[in-house]
Amino acid sequence: MTIKEAREKSLRGGFDTSDLTDAEMCLKAEFFSALGKSEGWIGENIRMCTGCGVSCKNKEITAWGKHKGWWNGQKFTGCDSDVYDYDGQWLIEMHCLIDHLAEGGTIEDFFSRLDMKI
């Protein structure tokens, strides 16, 4: 897939990227969510803390949907922020792009390999 194709698929999924640079587009969760919707990515839901960004297990969440973390012997380690469920595959792909860029890869290379990976 090219970046241009990713933009077109994102638009079909409900997110317009026309006013964004490639770098800005790739940092938008809405872009990856729309791309995943257009591509039919199906994945397991992920529960993630909105404050610290960690993936949470049920035992780390309060009855009120807050991140309590785990007990370290003295206190709970969580940040007490809200926890939301995300459809997992687009979020995984977004994090794969971030890892790819951190390792010195390019946006173009990531999208060219995306079709082969999924």
C-alpha atoms as a PDB file:
ATOM      1  CA  MET A   1       0.000   0.000   0.000  1.00  0.00           C
ATOM      2  CA  THR A   2       1.252   3.488  -0.768  1.00  0.00           C
ATOM      3  CA  ILE A   3       0.745   6.511   1.471  1.00  0.00           C
ATOM      4  CA  LYS A   4      -1.700   7.864  -1.103  1.00  0.00           C
ATOM      5  CA  GLU A   5      -3.714   4.621  -0.910  1.00  0.00           C
ATOM      6  CA  ALA A   6      -3.646   4.776   2.895  1.00  0.00           C
ATOM      7  CA  ARG A   7      -5.055   8.312   2.736  1.00  0.00           C
ATOM      8  CA  GLU A   8      -7.825   7.201   0.361  1.00  0.00           C
ATOM      9  CA  LYS A   9      -8.722   4.215   2.552  1.00  0.00           C
ATOM     10  CA  SER A  10      -8.749   6.408   5.640  1.00  0.00           C
ATOM     11  CA  LEU A  11     -11.198   8.752   3.915  1.00  0.00           C
ATOM     12  CA  ARG A  12     -13.435   5.759   3.079  1.00  0.00           C
ATOM     13  CA  GLY A  13     -13.210   4.820   6.762  1.00  0.00           C
ATOM     14  CA  GLY A  14     -14.385   8.290   7.791  1.00  0.00           C
ATOM     15  CA  PHE A  15     -11.253  10.375   8.430  1.00  0.00           C
ATOM     16  CA  ASP A  16     -10.100  13.133   6.050  1.00  0.00           C
ATOM     17  CA  THR A  17      -6.319  13.571   5.949  1.00  0.00           C
ATOM     18  CA  SER A  18      -6.151  16.171   3.172  1.00  0.00           C
ATOM     19  CA  ASP A  19      -4.954  18.988   5.455  1.00  0.00           C
ATOM     20  CA  LEU A  20      -2.287  16.876   7.205  1.00  0.00           C
ATOM     21  CA  THR A  21       1.314  16.098   6.329  1.00  0.00           C
ATOM     22  CA  ASP A  22       2.272  12.423   6.198  1.00  0.00           C
ATOM     23  CA  ALA A  23       3.927  12.691   9.612  1.00  0.00           C
ATOM     24  CA  GLU A  24       0.923  14.464  11.177  1.00  0.00           C
ATOM     25  CA  MET A  25      -1.440  11.902   9.658  1.00  0.00           C
ATOM     26  CA  CYS A  26       0.504   8.975  11.099  1.00  0.00           C
ATOM     27  CA  LEU A  27       0.347  10.414  14.607  1.00  0.00           C
ATOM     28  CA  LYS A  28      -3.458  10.574  14.577  1.00  0.00           C
ATOM     29  CA  ALA A  29      -5.261   7.665  16.184  1.00  0.00           C
ATOM     30  CA  GLU A  30      -8.310   8.613  14.118  1.00  0.00           C
ATOM     31  CA  PHE A  31      -6.314   7.930  10.941  1.00  0.00           C
ATOM     32  CA  PHE A  32      -5.366   4.397  11.965  1.00  0.00           C
ATOM     33  CA  SER A  33      -8.874   3.693  13.260  1.00  0.00           C
ATOM     34  CA  ALA A  34     -10.413   4.792   9.936  1.00  0.00           C
ATOM     35  CA  LEU A  35      -7.802   2.871   7.937  1.00  0.00           C
ATOM     36  CA  GLY A  36      -8.548  -0.241   9.968  1.00  0.00           C
ATOM     37  CA  LYS A  37     -12.287   0.216   9.439  1.00  0.00           C
ATOM     38  CA  SER A  38     -11.762   0.526   5.689  1.00  0.00           C
ATOM     39  CA  GLU A  39      -9.427  -2.486   5.584  1.00  0.00           C
ATOM     40  CA  GLY A  40     -11.667  -4.653   7.779  1.00  0.00           C
ATOM     41  CA  TRP A  41      -8.999  -5.200  10.425  1.00  0.00           C
ATOM     42  CA  ILE A  42     -10.413  -7.376  13.144  1.00  0.00           C
ATOM     43  CA  GLY A  43      -8.638  -7.630  16.432  1.00  0.00           C
ATOM     44  CA  GLU A  44      -9.147  -8.264  20.070  1.00  0.00           C
ATOM     45  CA  ASN A  45     -10.234  -5.316  22.208  1.00  0.00           C
ATOM     46  CA  ILE A  46      -7.510  -3.686  24.262  1.00  0.00           C
ATOM     47  CA  ARG A  47      -8.201  -1.922  27.559  1.00  0.00           C
ATOM     48  CA  MET A  48      -5.895   1.070  27.781  1.00  0.00           C
ATOM     49  CA  CYS A  49      -5.362   3.818  30.354  1.00  0.00           C
ATOM     50  CA  THR A  50      -5.885   7.304  28.931  1.00  0.00           C
ATOM     51  CA  GLY A  51      -3.444   8.818  31.407  1.00  0.00           C
ATOM     52  CA  CYS A  52      -0.316   6.698  31.219  1.00  0.00           C
ATOM     53  CA  GLY A  53      -1.065   4.688  28.051  1.00  0.00           C
ATOM     54  CA  VAL A  54      -0.523   1.223  29.474  1.00  0.00           C
ATOM     55  CA  SER A  55      -2.609  -1.781  28.554  1.00  0.00           C
ATOM     56  CA  CYS A  56      -4.677  -2.791  31.591  1.00  0.00           C
ATOM     57  CA  LYS A  57      -5.856  -6.149  32.862  1.00  0.00           C
ATOM     58  CA  ASN A  58      -9.245  -6.340  34.581  1.00  0.00           C
ATOM     59  CA  LYS A  59      -7.705  -6.666  38.044  1.00  0.00           C
ATOM     60  CA  GLU A  60      -5.881  -3.334  37.495  1.00  0.00           C
ATOM     61  CA  ILE A  61      -9.136  -1.403  36.946  1.00  0.00           C
ATOM     62  CA  THR A  62     -11.498  -0.093  39.624  1.00  0.00           C
ATOM     63  CA  ALA A  63     -15.252  -0.661  39.521  1.00  0.00           C
ATOM     64  CA  TRP A  64     -15.506   2.959  38.289  1.00  0.00           C
ATOM     65  CA  GLY A  65     -13.291   2.338  35.244  1.00  0.00           C
ATOM     66  CA  LYS A  66     -10.155   3.966  36.652  1.00  0.00           C
ATOM     67  CA  HIS A  67      -6.598   2.639  36.376  1.00  0.00           C
ATOM     68  CA  LYS A  68      -5.575   1.470  39.848  1.00  0.00           C
ATOM     69  CA  GLY A  69      -2.537  -0.523  38.705  1.00  0.00           C
ATOM     70  CA  TRP A  70      -1.097  -3.293  40.818  1.00  0.00           C
ATOM     71  CA  TRP A  71      -0.173  -3.457  44.492  1.00  0.00           C
ATOM     72  CA  ASN A  72       3.577  -3.009  45.058  1.00  0.00           C
ATOM     73  CA  GLY A  73       3.476  -3.739  48.786  1.00  0.00           C
ATOM     74  CA  GLN A  74       2.814  -0.162  49.831  1.00  0.00           C
ATOM     75  CA  LYS A  75       0.358   1.349  47.351  1.00  0.00           C
ATOM     76  CA  PHE A  76      -1.320   0.826  43.978  1.00  0.00           C
ATOM     77  CA  THR A  77       0.844   1.889  41.033  1.00  0.00           C
ATOM     78  CA  GLY A  78      -1.872   3.199  38.703  1.00  0.00           C
ATOM     79  CA  CYS A  79      -2.441   6.835  37.766  1.00  0.00           C
ATOM     80  CA  ASP A  80      -6.220   6.804  38.487  1.00  0.00           C
ATOM     81  CA  SER A  81      -7.102   7.897  34.926  1.00  0.00           C
ATOM     82  CA  ASP A  82      -9.996   6.552  32.856  1.00  0.00           C
ATOM     83  CA  VAL A  83      -9.623   3.203  31.100  1.00  0.00           C
ATOM     84  CA  TYR A  84     -11.224   2.685  27.676  1.00  0.00           C
ATOM     85  CA  ASP A  85     -11.695  -0.287  25.377  1.00  0.00           C
ATOM     86  CA  TYR A  86     -10.158   0.047  21.924  1.00  0.00           C
ATOM     87  CA  ASP A  87     -10.608  -2.217  18.926  1.00  0.00           C
ATOM     88  CA  GLY A  88      -7.123  -3.608  19.029  1.00  0.00           C
ATOM     89  CA  GLN A  89      -5.775  -4.159  15.522  1.00  0.00           C
ATOM     90  CA  TRP A  90      -5.542  -0.523  14.405  1.00  0.00           C
ATOM     91  CA  LEU A  91      -3.878   0.389  17.696  1.00  0.00           C
ATOM     92  CA  ILE A  92      -1.364  -2.415  17.267  1.00  0.00           C
ATOM     93  CA  GLU A  93      -0.573  -1.222  13.724  1.00  0.00           C
ATOM     94  CA  MET A  94      -0.136   2.359  14.935  1.00  0.00           C
ATOM     95  CA  HIS A  95       2.348   1.210  17.559  1.00  0.00           C
ATOM     96  CA  CYS A  96       4.137  -0.925  14.955  1.00  0.00           C
ATOM     97  CA  LEU A  97       4.627   2.229  12.857  1.00  0.00           C
ATOM     98  CA  ILE A  98       6.035   4.102  15.850  1.00  0.00           C
ATOM     99  CA  ASP A  99       8.441   1.218  16.538  1.00  0.00           C
ATOM    100  CA  HIS A 100       9.392   1.092  12.842  1.00  0.00           C
ATOM    101  CA  LEU A 101      10.203   4.828  12.817  1.00  0.00           C
ATOM    102  CA  ALA A 102      12.154   4.560  16.079  1.00  0.00           C
ATOM    103  CA  GLU A 103      14.299   1.877  14.458  1.00  0.00           C
ATOM    104  CA  GLY A 104      15.150   4.228  11.565  1.00  0.00           C
ATOM    105  CA  GLY A 105      12.495   3.105   9.075  1.00  0.00           C
ATOM    106  CA  THR A 106      10.407   5.390   6.897  1.00  0.00           C
ATOM    107  CA  ILE A 107       6.677   5.943   6.663  1.00  0.00           C
ATOM    108  CA  GLU A 108       6.753   4.861   3.010  1.00  0.00           C
ATOM    109  CA  ASP A 109       8.503   1.591   3.829  1.00  0.00           C
ATOM    110  CA  PHE A 110       6.058   0.818   6.637  1.00  0.00           C
ATOM    111  CA  PHE A 111       3.002   1.215   4.412  1.00  0.00           C
ATOM    112  CA  SER A 112       4.596  -0.724   1.563  1.00  0.00           C
ATOM    113  CA  ARG A 113       4.965  -3.710   3.898  1.00  0.00           C
ATOM    114  CA  LEU A 114       1.579  -3.323   5.612  1.00  0.00           C
ATOM    115  CA  ASP A 115      -0.345  -5.322   2.986  1.00  0.00           C
ATOM    116  CA  MET A 116       2.022  -8.261   3.375  1.00  0.00           C
ATOM    117  CA  LYS A 117       1.809  -8.252   7.170  1.00  0.00           C
ATOM    118  CA  ILE A 118      -1.951  -8.358   7.709  1.00  0.00           C
END
